[in-house]
Amino acid sequence: MRRWLLAALLLPGVAGAAAPDGRQIVLHGNGSGALPCAACHGVDGGGKAAMGAPALAGLPALQIENDLAAFAKGKGGNAIMQSIAKSLTPAQAQAVAAYFSSLKPT
């Protein structure tokens, strides 16, 4: 009986866990090694050409997710992006991609 009660108390917290907030990660990082994306790609996702940081606003989310997955495996990008991508969970990468995709290109 105690096990069922414990499970009933713990499961709602697991099921109700909040999804990562892409905007917060873009603005503030993920607290686990990913720097704020906005530092290089801009708050509006317009990129910073002088830094070599491309515009991400309006790109398909799947393209951004695939790029992040490749960077995490050491393929493409640069050492900074590879490190950042490695520190994102798949859910965080998806949230960041969805956020940038939702922005209008500048």
PDB file of N, CA and C in Angstrom:
ATOM      1  N   MET A   1       0.822  -1.193   0.000  1.00  0.00           N
ATOM      2  CA  MET A   1       0.000   0.000   0.000  1.00  0.00           C
ATOM      3  C   MET A   1       0.868   1.260   0.000  1.00  0.00           C
ATOM      4  N   ARG A   2       1.924   1.237   0.793  1.00  0.00           N
ATOM      5  CA  ARG A   2       2.798   2.410   0.865  1.00  0.00           C
ATOM      6  C   ARG A   2       3.452   2.703  -0.488  1.00  0.00           C
ATOM      7  N   ARG A   3       3.829   1.651  -1.208  1.00  0.00           N
ATOM      8  CA  ARG A   3       4.453   1.851  -2.516  1.00  0.00           C
ATOM      9  C   ARG A   3       3.503   2.559  -3.472  1.00  0.00           C
ATOM     10  N   TRP A   4       2.239   2.160  -3.450  1.00  0.00           N
ATOM     11  CA  TRP A   4       1.255   2.795  -4.329  1.00  0.00           C
ATOM     12  C   TRP A   4       1.065   4.253  -3.963  1.00  0.00           C
ATOM     13  N   LEU A   5       1.034   4.522  -2.674  1.00  0.00           N
ATOM     14  CA  LEU A   5       0.867   5.902  -2.230  1.00  0.00           C
ATOM     15  C   LEU A   5       2.072   6.744  -2.658  1.00  0.00           C
ATOM     16  N   LEU A   6       3.260   6.200  -2.483  1.00  0.00           N
ATOM     17  CA  LEU A   6       4.464   6.914  -2.890  1.00  0.00           C
ATOM     18  C   LEU A   6       4.462   7.160  -4.401  1.00  0.00           C
ATOM     19  N   ALA A   7       4.102   6.144  -5.169  1.00  0.00           N
ATOM     20  CA  ALA A   7       4.040   6.302  -6.625  1.00  0.00           C
ATOM     21  C   ALA A   7       3.001   7.340  -7.015  1.00  0.00           C
ATOM     22  N   ALA A   8       1.873   7.337  -6.352  1.00  0.00           N
ATOM     23  CA  ALA A   8       0.811   8.301  -6.662  1.00  0.00           C
ATOM     24  C   ALA A   8       1.259   9.727  -6.360  1.00  0.00           C
ATOM     25  N   LEU A   9       2.109   9.890  -5.361  1.00  0.00           N
ATOM     26  CA  LEU A   9       2.595  11.221  -5.013  1.00  0.00           C
ATOM     27  C   LEU A   9       3.707  11.690  -5.943  1.00  0.00           C
ATOM     28  N   LEU A  10       4.542  10.777  -6.412  1.00  0.00           N
ATOM     29  CA  LEU A  10       5.688  11.149  -7.233  1.00  0.00           C
ATOM     30  C   LEU A  10       5.376  11.275  -8.717  1.00  0.00           C
ATOM     31  N   LEU A  11       4.504  10.456  -9.241  1.00  0.00           N
ATOM     32  CA  LEU A  11       4.239  10.456 -10.677  1.00  0.00           C
ATOM     33  C   LEU A  11       3.683  11.756 -11.224  1.00  0.00           C
ATOM     34  N   PRO A  12       2.783  12.435 -10.543  1.00  0.00           N
ATOM     35  CA  PRO A  12       2.305  13.695 -11.116  1.00  0.00           C
ATOM     36  C   PRO A  12       3.431  14.701 -11.342  1.00  0.00           C
ATOM     37  N   GLY A  13       4.427  14.707 -10.503  1.00  0.00           N
ATOM     38  CA  GLY A  13       5.562  15.608 -10.683  1.00  0.00           C
ATOM     39  C   GLY A  13       6.378  15.253 -11.909  1.00  0.00           C
ATOM     40  N   VAL A  14       6.510  13.965 -12.178  1.00  0.00           N
ATOM     41  CA  VAL A  14       7.247  13.521 -13.355  1.00  0.00           C
ATOM     42  C   VAL A  14       6.460  13.851 -14.611  1.00  0.00           C
ATOM     43  N   ALA A  15       5.187  13.519 -14.610  1.00  0.00           N
ATOM     44  CA  ALA A  15       4.353  13.753 -15.787  1.00  0.00           C
ATOM     45  C   ALA A  15       4.179  15.238 -16.054  1.00  0.00           C
ATOM     46  N   GLY A  16       4.194  16.037 -14.995  1.00  0.00           N
ATOM     47  CA  GLY A  16       3.963  17.464 -15.157  1.00  0.00           C
ATOM     48  C   GLY A  16       5.230  18.285 -15.268  1.00  0.00           C
ATOM     49  N   ALA A  17       6.367  17.620 -15.465  1.00  0.00           N
ATOM     50  CA  ALA A  17       7.623  18.363 -15.573  1.00  0.00           C
ATOM     51  C   ALA A  17       7.541  19.338 -16.744  1.00  0.00           C
ATOM     52  N   ALA A  18       7.970  20.546 -16.487  1.00  0.00           N
ATOM     53  CA  ALA A  18       7.872  21.594 -17.506  1.00  0.00           C
ATOM     54  C   ALA A  18       8.869  21.349 -18.633  1.00  0.00           C
ATOM     55  N   ALA A  19       8.429  21.609 -19.840  1.00  0.00           N
ATOM     56  CA  ALA A  19       9.312  21.514 -21.002  1.00  0.00           C
ATOM     57  C   ALA A  19      10.297  22.677 -20.958  1.00  0.00           C
ATOM     58  N   PRO A  20      11.483  22.490 -21.489  1.00  0.00           N
ATOM     59  CA  PRO A  20      12.449  23.593 -21.514  1.00  0.00           C
ATOM     60  C   PRO A  20      11.887  24.800 -22.266  1.00  0.00           C
ATOM     61  N   ASP A  21      12.255  25.976 -21.817  1.00  0.00           N
ATOM     62  CA  ASP A  21      11.817  27.226 -22.434  1.00  0.00           C
ATOM     63  C   ASP A  21      12.921  27.710 -23.366  1.00  0.00           C
ATOM     64  N   GLY A  22      12.686  27.573 -24.666  1.00  0.00           N
ATOM     65  CA  GLY A  22      13.689  27.952 -25.652  1.00  0.00           C
ATOM     66  C   GLY A  22      14.129  29.393 -25.533  1.00  0.00           C
ATOM     67  N   ARG A  23      13.180  30.290 -25.287  1.00  0.00           N
ATOM     68  CA  ARG A  23      13.510  31.715 -25.172  1.00  0.00           C
ATOM     69  C   ARG A  23      14.465  31.956 -24.007  1.00  0.00           C
ATOM     70  N   GLN A  24      14.212  31.303 -22.876  1.00  0.00           N
ATOM     71  CA  GLN A  24      15.074  31.472 -21.709  1.00  0.00           C
ATOM     72  C   GLN A  24      16.485  30.955 -21.978  1.00  0.00           C
ATOM     73  N   ILE A  25      16.578  29.822 -22.675  1.00  0.00           N
ATOM     74  CA  ILE A  25      17.900  29.283 -23.002  1.00  0.00           C
ATOM     75  C   ILE A  25      18.630  30.229 -23.953  1.00  0.00           C
ATOM     76  N   VAL A  26      17.906  30.755 -24.945  1.00  0.00           N
ATOM     77  CA  VAL A  26      18.506  31.696 -25.898  1.00  0.00           C
ATOM     78  C   VAL A  26      19.021  32.934 -25.169  1.00  0.00           C
ATOM     79  N   LEU A  27      18.262  33.431 -24.212  1.00  0.00           N
ATOM     80  CA  LEU A  27      18.635  34.667 -23.515  1.00  0.00           C
ATOM     81  C   LEU A  27      19.614  34.467 -22.366  1.00  0.00           C
ATOM     82  N   HIS A  28      19.539  33.303 -21.685  1.00  0.00           N
ATOM     83  CA  HIS A  28      20.306  33.129 -20.444  1.00  0.00           C
ATOM     84  C   HIS A  28      21.170  31.870 -20.392  1.00  0.00           C
ATOM     85  N   GLY A  29      21.136  31.029 -21.414  1.00  0.00           N
ATOM     86  CA  GLY A  29      21.862  29.769 -21.361  1.00  0.00           C
ATOM     87  C   GLY A  29      21.047  28.720 -20.633  1.00  0.00           C
ATOM     88  N   ASN A  30      21.608  27.534 -20.474  1.00  0.00           N
ATOM     89  CA  ASN A  30      20.857  26.461 -19.816  1.00  0.00           C
ATOM     90  C   ASN A  30      21.344  26.160 -18.402  1.00  0.00           C
ATOM     91  N   GLY A  31      22.337  26.880 -17.920  1.00  0.00           N
ATOM     92  CA  GLY A  31      22.833  26.640 -16.570  1.00  0.00           C
ATOM     93  C   GLY A  31      23.692  25.392 -16.461  1.00  0.00           C
ATOM     94  N   SER A  32      23.943  24.721 -17.585  1.00  0.00           N
ATOM     95  CA  SER A  32      24.745  23.498 -17.590  1.00  0.00           C
ATOM     96  C   SER A  32      25.846  23.554 -18.639  1.00  0.00           C
ATOM     97  N   GLY A  33      26.288  24.758 -18.953  1.00  0.00           N
ATOM     98  CA  GLY A  33      27.391  24.905 -19.890  1.00  0.00           C
ATOM     99  C   GLY A  33      27.053  25.597 -21.192  1.00  0.00           C
ATOM    100  N   ALA A  34      25.781  25.652 -21.538  1.00  0.00           N
ATOM    101  CA  ALA A  34      25.406  26.340 -22.779  1.00  0.00           C
ATOM    102  C   ALA A  34      25.318  27.831 -22.515  1.00  0.00           C
ATOM    103  N   LEU A  35      26.138  28.578 -23.211  1.00  0.00           N
ATOM    104  CA  LEU A  35      26.089  30.036 -23.107  1.00  0.00           C
ATOM    105  C   LEU A  35      24.811  30.541 -23.756  1.00  0.00           C
ATOM    106  N   PRO A  36      24.396  31.757 -23.439  1.00  0.00           N
ATOM    107  CA  PRO A  36      23.210  32.312 -24.103  1.00  0.00           C
ATOM    108  C   PRO A  36      23.433  32.412 -25.615  1.00  0.00           C
ATOM    109  N   CYS A  37      22.537  31.828 -26.379  1.00  0.00           N
ATOM    110  CA  CYS A  37      22.639  31.863 -27.847  1.00  0.00           C
ATOM    111  C   CYS A  37      22.654  33.296 -28.356  1.00  0.00           C
ATOM    112  N   ALA A  38      21.909  34.168 -27.657  1.00  0.00           N
ATOM    113  CA  ALA A  38      21.770  35.563 -28.084  1.00  0.00           C
ATOM    114  C   ALA A  38      23.103  36.303 -28.085  1.00  0.00           C
ATOM    115  N   ALA A  39      24.071  35.835 -27.317  1.00  0.00           N
ATOM    116  CA  ALA A  39      25.366  36.512 -27.269  1.00  0.00           C
ATOM    117  C   ALA A  39      26.014  36.562 -28.649  1.00  0.00           C
ATOM    118  N   CYS A  40      25.801  35.537 -29.451  1.00  0.00           N
ATOM    119  CA  CYS A  40      26.388  35.504 -30.795  1.00  0.00           C
ATOM    120  C   CYS A  40      25.347  35.617 -31.905  1.00  0.00           C
ATOM    121  N   HIS A  41      24.201  35.009 -31.704  1.00  0.00           N
ATOM    122  CA  HIS A  41      23.183  34.978 -32.757  1.00  0.00           C
ATOM    123  C   HIS A  41      22.174  36.112 -32.633  1.00  0.00           C
ATOM    124  N   GLY A  42      22.290  36.916 -31.572  1.00  0.00           N
ATOM    125  CA  GLY A  42      21.397  38.054 -31.387  1.00  0.00           C
ATOM    126  C   GLY A  42      20.078  37.674 -30.738  1.00  0.00           C
ATOM    127  N   VAL A  43      19.515  38.615 -30.016  1.00  0.00           N
ATOM    128  CA  VAL A  43      18.225  38.404 -29.349  1.00  0.00           C
ATOM    129  C   VAL A  43      17.142  38.119 -30.380  1.00  0.00           C
ATOM    130  N   ASP A  44      17.273  38.755 -31.544  1.00  0.00           N
ATOM    131  CA  ASP A  44      16.272  38.588 -32.601  1.00  0.00           C
ATOM    132  C   ASP A  44      16.619  37.458 -33.564  1.00  0.00           C
ATOM    133  N   GLY A  45      17.716  36.740 -33.287  1.00  0.00           N
ATOM    134  CA  GLY A  45      18.129  35.639 -34.147  1.00  0.00           C
ATOM    135  C   GLY A  45      18.712  36.084 -35.472  1.00  0.00           C
ATOM    136  N   GLY A  46      19.047  37.379 -35.565  1.00  0.00           N
ATOM    137  CA  GLY A  46      19.560  37.933 -36.814  1.00  0.00           C
ATOM    138  C   GLY A  46      21.012  37.624 -37.098  1.00  0.00           C
ATOM    139  N   GLY A  47      21.708  37.039 -36.124  1.00  0.00           N
ATOM    140  CA  GLY A  47      23.112  36.696 -36.302  1.00  0.00           C
ATOM    141  C   GLY A  47      24.027  37.900 -36.170  1.00  0.00           C
ATOM    142  N   LYS A  48      25.313  37.635 -36.151  1.00  0.00           N
ATOM    143  CA  LYS A  48      26.338  38.681 -36.094  1.00  0.00           C
ATOM    144  C   LYS A  48      27.430  38.283 -37.075  1.00  0.00           C
ATOM    145  N   ALA A  49      27.321  38.823 -38.280  1.00  0.00           N
ATOM    146  CA  ALA A  49      28.228  38.439 -39.364  1.00  0.00           C
ATOM    147  C   ALA A  49      29.692  38.641 -38.995  1.00  0.00           C
ATOM    148  N   ALA A  50      29.998  39.716 -38.269  1.00  0.00           N
ATOM    149  CA  ALA A  50      31.384  40.002 -37.900  1.00  0.00           C
ATOM    150  C   ALA A  50      31.981  38.890 -37.038  1.00  0.00           C
ATOM    151  N   MET A  51      31.130  38.176 -36.309  1.00  0.00           N
ATOM    152  CA  MET A  51      31.576  37.071 -35.464  1.00  0.00           C
ATOM    153  C   MET A  51      31.515  35.737 -36.194  1.00  0.00           C
ATOM    154  N   GLY A  52      30.900  35.737 -37.357  1.00  0.00           N
ATOM    155  CA  GLY A  52      30.699  34.481 -38.074  1.00  0.00           C
ATOM    156  C   GLY A  52      29.512  33.698 -37.557  1.00  0.00           C
ATOM    157  N   ALA A  53      28.636  34.369 -36.801  1.00  0.00           N
ATOM    158  CA  ALA A  53      27.445  33.717 -36.246  1.00  0.00           C
ATOM    159  C   ALA A  53      26.272  33.949 -37.196  1.00  0.00           C
ATOM    160  N   PRO A  54      25.766  32.892 -37.815  1.00  0.00           N
ATOM    161  CA  PRO A  54      24.705  33.064 -38.805  1.00  0.00           C
ATOM    162  C   PRO A  54      23.361  33.434 -38.189  1.00  0.00           C
ATOM    163  N   ALA A  55      22.516  34.011 -39.026  1.00  0.00           N
ATOM    164  CA  ALA A  55      21.135  34.291 -38.631  1.00  0.00           C
ATOM    165  C   ALA A  55      20.393  32.966 -38.510  1.00  0.00           C
ATOM    166  N   LEU A  56      19.592  32.836 -37.463  1.00  0.00           N
ATOM    167  CA  LEU A  56      18.806  31.624 -37.243  1.00  0.00           C
ATOM    168  C   LEU A  56      17.304  31.888 -37.298  1.00  0.00           C
ATOM    169  N   ALA A  57      16.921  33.145 -37.209  1.00  0.00           N
ATOM    170  CA  ALA A  57      15.497  33.501 -37.196  1.00  0.00           C
ATOM    171  C   ALA A  57      14.810  32.998 -38.458  1.00  0.00           C
ATOM    172  N   GLY A  58      13.716  32.289 -38.256  1.00  0.00           N
ATOM    173  CA  GLY A  58      12.899  31.832 -39.361  1.00  0.00           C
ATOM    174  C   GLY A  58      13.372  30.567 -40.052  1.00  0.00           C
ATOM    175  N   LEU A  59      14.531  30.038 -39.664  1.00  0.00           N
ATOM    176  CA  LEU A  59      14.978  28.777 -40.261  1.00  0.00           C
ATOM    177  C   LEU A  59      14.066  27.647 -39.791  1.00  0.00           C
ATOM    178  N   PRO A  60      13.933  26.589 -40.578  1.00  0.00           N
ATOM    179  CA  PRO A  60      13.136  25.448 -40.123  1.00  0.00           C
ATOM    180  C   PRO A  60      13.726  24.862 -38.835  1.00  0.00           C
ATOM    181  N   ALA A  61      12.865  24.582 -37.877  1.00  0.00           N
ATOM    182  CA  ALA A  61      13.323  24.049 -36.590  1.00  0.00           C
ATOM    183  C   ALA A  61      14.134  22.772 -36.775  1.00  0.00           C
ATOM    184  N   LEU A  62      13.693  21.912 -37.682  1.00  0.00           N
ATOM    185  CA  LEU A  62      14.401  20.650 -37.896  1.00  0.00           C
ATOM    186  C   LEU A  62      15.827  20.887 -38.390  1.00  0.00           C
ATOM    187  N   GLN A  63      16.026  21.895 -39.203  1.00  0.00           N
ATOM    188  CA  GLN A  63      17.375  22.227 -39.679  1.00  0.00           C
ATOM    189  C   GLN A  63      18.266  22.633 -38.506  1.00  0.00           C
ATOM    190  N   ILE A  64      17.734  23.464 -37.611  1.00  0.00           N
ATOM    191  CA  ILE A  64      18.510  23.901 -36.444  1.00  0.00           C
ATOM    192  C   ILE A  64      18.793  22.715 -35.532  1.00  0.00           C
ATOM    193  N   GLU A  65      17.789  21.867 -35.300  1.00  0.00           N
ATOM    194  CA  GLU A  65      17.983  20.678 -34.464  1.00  0.00           C
ATOM    195  C   GLU A  65      19.058  19.774 -35.062  1.00  0.00           C
ATOM    196  N   ASN A  66      18.988  19.543 -36.366  1.00  0.00           N
ATOM    197  CA  ASN A  66      19.981  18.682 -37.023  1.00  0.00           C
ATOM    198  C   ASN A  66      21.383  19.272 -36.927  1.00  0.00           C
ATOM    199  N   ASP A  67      21.482  20.589 -37.096  1.00  0.00           N
ATOM    200  CA  ASP A  67      22.789  21.243 -36.958  1.00  0.00           C
ATOM    201  C   ASP A  67      23.328  21.072 -35.542  1.00  0.00           C
ATOM    202  N   LEU A  68      22.479  21.287 -34.543  1.00  0.00           N
ATOM    203  CA  LEU A  68      22.918  21.137 -33.152  1.00  0.00           C
ATOM    204  C   LEU A  68      23.351  19.706 -32.865  1.00  0.00           C
ATOM    205  N   ALA A  69      22.618  18.735 -33.390  1.00  0.00           N
ATOM    206  CA  ALA A  69      22.980  17.329 -33.189  1.00  0.00           C
ATOM    207  C   ALA A  69      24.330  17.026 -33.837  1.00  0.00           C
ATOM    208  N   ALA A  70      24.560  17.571 -35.025  1.00  0.00           N
ATOM    209  CA  ALA A  70      25.848  17.360 -35.697  1.00  0.00           C
ATOM    210  C   ALA A  70      26.977  18.020 -34.913  1.00  0.00           C
ATOM    211  N   PHE A  71      26.748  19.245 -34.450  1.00  0.00           N
ATOM    212  CA  PHE A  71      27.771  19.950 -33.668  1.00  0.00           C
ATOM    213  C   PHE A  71      28.114  19.161 -32.405  1.00  0.00           C
ATOM    214  N   ALA A  72      27.101  18.602 -31.752  1.00  0.00           N
ATOM    215  CA  ALA A  72      27.326  17.836 -30.522  1.00  0.00           C
ATOM    216  C   ALA A  72      28.200  16.612 -30.781  1.00  0.00           C
ATOM    217  N   LYS A  73      28.176  16.112 -32.011  1.00  0.00           N
ATOM    218  CA  LYS A  73      29.006  14.962 -32.391  1.00  0.00           C
ATOM    219  C   LYS A  73      30.357  15.393 -32.946  1.00  0.00           C
ATOM    220  N   GLY A  74      30.620  16.710 -32.911  1.00  0.00           N
ATOM    221  CA  GLY A  74      31.896  17.216 -33.395  1.00  0.00           C
ATOM    222  C   GLY A  74      31.952  17.424 -34.893  1.00  0.00           C
ATOM    223  N   LYS A  75      30.797  17.390 -35.530  1.00  0.00           N
ATOM    224  CA  LYS A  75      30.743  17.562 -36.988  1.00  0.00           C
ATOM    225  C   LYS A  75      30.230  18.954 -37.310  1.00  0.00           C
ATOM    226  N   GLY A  76      31.039  19.739 -38.009  1.00  0.00           N
ATOM    227  CA  GLY A  76      30.626  21.077 -38.405  1.00  0.00           C
ATOM    228  C   GLY A  76      30.718  22.068 -37.263  1.00  0.00           C
ATOM    229  N   GLY A  77      30.381  23.290 -37.584  1.00  0.00           N
ATOM    230  CA  GLY A  77      30.431  24.340 -36.575  1.00  0.00           C
ATOM    231  C   GLY A  77      31.857  24.630 -36.160  1.00  0.00           C
ATOM    232  N   ASN A  78      31.997  25.168 -34.979  1.00  0.00           N
ATOM    233  CA  ASN A  78      33.319  25.451 -34.423  1.00  0.00           C
ATOM    234  C   ASN A  78      33.366  24.897 -33.007  1.00  0.00           C
ATOM    235  N   ALA A  79      34.500  25.022 -32.360  1.00  0.00           N
ATOM    236  CA  ALA A  79      34.660  24.443 -31.026  1.00  0.00           C
ATOM    237  C   ALA A  79      33.652  25.008 -30.030  1.00  0.00           C
ATOM    238  N   ILE A  80      33.329  26.283 -30.151  1.00  0.00           N
ATOM    239  CA  ILE A  80      32.369  26.893 -29.221  1.00  0.00           C
ATOM    240  C   ILE A  80      30.993  26.270 -29.420  1.00  0.00           C
ATOM    241  N   MET A  81      30.544  26.195 -30.679  1.00  0.00           N
ATOM    242  CA  MET A  81      29.221  25.624 -30.935  1.00  0.00           C
ATOM    243  C   MET A  81      29.177  24.141 -30.588  1.00  0.00           C
ATOM    244  N   GLN A  82      30.260  23.435 -30.810  1.00  0.00           N
ATOM    245  CA  GLN A  82      30.287  22.019 -30.458  1.00  0.00           C
ATOM    246  C   GLN A  82      30.132  21.835 -28.954  1.00  0.00           C
ATOM    247  N   SER A  83      30.813  22.665 -28.178  1.00  0.00           N
ATOM    248  CA  SER A  83      30.709  22.599 -26.722  1.00  0.00           C
ATOM    249  C   SER A  83      29.303  22.949 -26.249  1.00  0.00           C
ATOM    250  N   ILE A  84      28.738  24.005 -26.816  1.00  0.00           N
ATOM    251  CA  ILE A  84      27.386  24.418 -26.432  1.00  0.00           C
ATOM    252  C   ILE A  84      26.391  23.321 -26.780  1.00  0.00           C
ATOM    253  N   ALA A  85      26.482  22.782 -27.989  1.00  0.00           N
ATOM    254  CA  ALA A  85      25.545  21.751 -28.424  1.00  0.00           C
ATOM    255  C   ALA A  85      25.632  20.511 -27.539  1.00  0.00           C
ATOM    256  N   LYS A  86      26.833  20.154 -27.111  1.00  0.00           N
ATOM    257  CA  LYS A  86      27.003  18.991 -26.231  1.00  0.00           C
ATOM    258  C   LYS A  86      26.327  19.196 -24.885  1.00  0.00           C
ATOM    259  N   SER A  87      26.238  20.443 -24.434  1.00  0.00           N
ATOM    260  CA  SER A  87      25.664  20.702 -23.111  1.00  0.00           C
ATOM    261  C   SER A  87      24.140  20.818 -23.136  1.00  0.00           C
ATOM    262  N   LEU A  88      23.545  20.835 -24.326  1.00  0.00           N
ATOM    263  CA  LEU A  88      22.083  20.895 -24.421  1.00  0.00           C
ATOM    264  C   LEU A  88      21.492  19.493 -24.408  1.00  0.00           C
ATOM    265  N   THR A  89      20.415  19.310 -23.668  1.00  0.00           N
ATOM    266  CA  THR A  89      19.678  18.058 -23.762  1.00  0.00           C
ATOM    267  C   THR A  89      18.919  18.067 -25.089  1.00  0.00           C
ATOM    268  N   PRO A  90      18.480  16.910 -25.566  1.00  0.00           N
ATOM    269  CA  PRO A  90      17.674  16.906 -26.792  1.00  0.00           C
ATOM    270  C   PRO A  90      16.435  17.802 -26.682  1.00  0.00           C
ATOM    271  N   ALA A  91      15.792  17.805 -25.531  1.00  0.00           N
ATOM    272  CA  ALA A  91      14.604  18.649 -25.343  1.00  0.00           C
ATOM    273  C   ALA A  91      14.970  20.131 -25.381  1.00  0.00           C
ATOM    274  N   GLN A  92      16.121  20.485 -24.813  1.00  0.00           N
ATOM    275  CA  GLN A  92      16.559  21.880 -24.850  1.00  0.00           C
ATOM    276  C   GLN A  92      16.905  22.304 -26.273  1.00  0.00           C
ATOM    277  N   ALA A  93      17.577  21.437 -27.014  1.00  0.00           N
ATOM    278  CA  ALA A  93      17.913  21.745 -28.407  1.00  0.00           C
ATOM    279  C   ALA A  93      16.639  21.938 -29.222  1.00  0.00           C
ATOM    280  N   GLN A  94      15.655  21.098 -28.977  1.00  0.00           N
ATOM    281  CA  GLN A  94      14.376  21.217 -29.680  1.00  0.00           C
ATOM    282  C   GLN A  94      13.690  22.533 -29.327  1.00  0.00           C
ATOM    283  N   ALA A  95      13.735  22.918 -28.063  1.00  0.00           N
ATOM    284  CA  ALA A  95      13.099  24.166 -27.628  1.00  0.00           C
ATOM    285  C   ALA A  95      13.793  25.381 -28.239  1.00  0.00           C
ATOM    286  N   VAL A  96      15.110  25.364 -28.265  1.00  0.00           N
ATOM    287  CA  VAL A  96      15.874  26.466 -28.867  1.00  0.00           C
ATOM    288  C   VAL A  96      15.561  26.557 -30.357  1.00  0.00           C
ATOM    289  N   ALA A  97      15.536  25.411 -31.028  1.00  0.00           N
ATOM    290  CA  ALA A  97      15.245  25.386 -32.465  1.00  0.00           C
ATOM    291  C   ALA A  97      13.849  25.930 -32.745  1.00  0.00           C
ATOM    292  N   ALA A  98      12.881  25.524 -31.939  1.00  0.00           N
ATOM    293  CA  ALA A  98      11.508  26.001 -32.128  1.00  0.00           C
ATOM    294  C   ALA A  98      11.424  27.506 -31.907  1.00  0.00           C
ATOM    295  N   TYR A  99      12.158  28.002 -30.911  1.00  0.00           N
ATOM    296  CA  TYR A  99      12.129  29.438 -30.634  1.00  0.00           C
ATOM    297  C   TYR A  99      12.703  30.228 -31.808  1.00  0.00           C
ATOM    298  N   PHE A 100      13.900  29.867 -32.261  1.00  0.00           N
ATOM    299  CA  PHE A 100      14.503  30.599 -33.378  1.00  0.00           C
ATOM    300  C   PHE A 100      13.637  30.493 -34.632  1.00  0.00           C
ATOM    301  N   SER A 101      13.068  29.338 -34.861  1.00  0.00           N
ATOM    302  CA  SER A 101      12.216  29.140 -36.030  1.00  0.00           C
ATOM    303  C   SER A 101      10.983  30.038 -35.992  1.00  0.00           C
ATOM    304  N   SER A 102      10.511  30.344 -34.789  1.00  0.00           N
ATOM    305  CA  SER A 102       9.304  31.172 -34.644  1.00  0.00           C
ATOM    306  C   SER A 102       9.561  32.658 -34.897  1.00  0.00           C
ATOM    307  N   LEU A 103      10.829  33.057 -34.908  1.00  0.00           N
ATOM    308  CA  LEU A 103      11.167  34.469 -35.097  1.00  0.00           C
ATOM    309  C   LEU A 103      11.134  34.846 -36.574  1.00  0.00           C
ATOM    310  N   LYS A 104      10.796  36.091 -36.832  1.00  0.00           N
ATOM    311  CA  LYS A 104      10.804  36.588 -38.215  1.00  0.00           C
ATOM    312  C   LYS A 104      12.227  36.983 -38.588  1.00  0.00           C
ATOM    313  N   PRO A 105      12.670  36.573 -39.775  1.00  0.00           N
ATOM    314  CA  PRO A 105      14.010  36.972 -40.223  1.00  0.00           C
ATOM    315  C   PRO A 105      14.131  38.495 -40.289  1.00  0.00           C
ATOM    316  N   THR A 106      15.323  38.991 -39.958  1.00  0.00           N
ATOM    317  CA  THR A 106      15.538  40.447 -39.985  1.00  0.00           C
ATOM    318  C   THR A 106      16.315  40.850 -41.218  1.00  0.00           C
TER     319      THR A 106
END
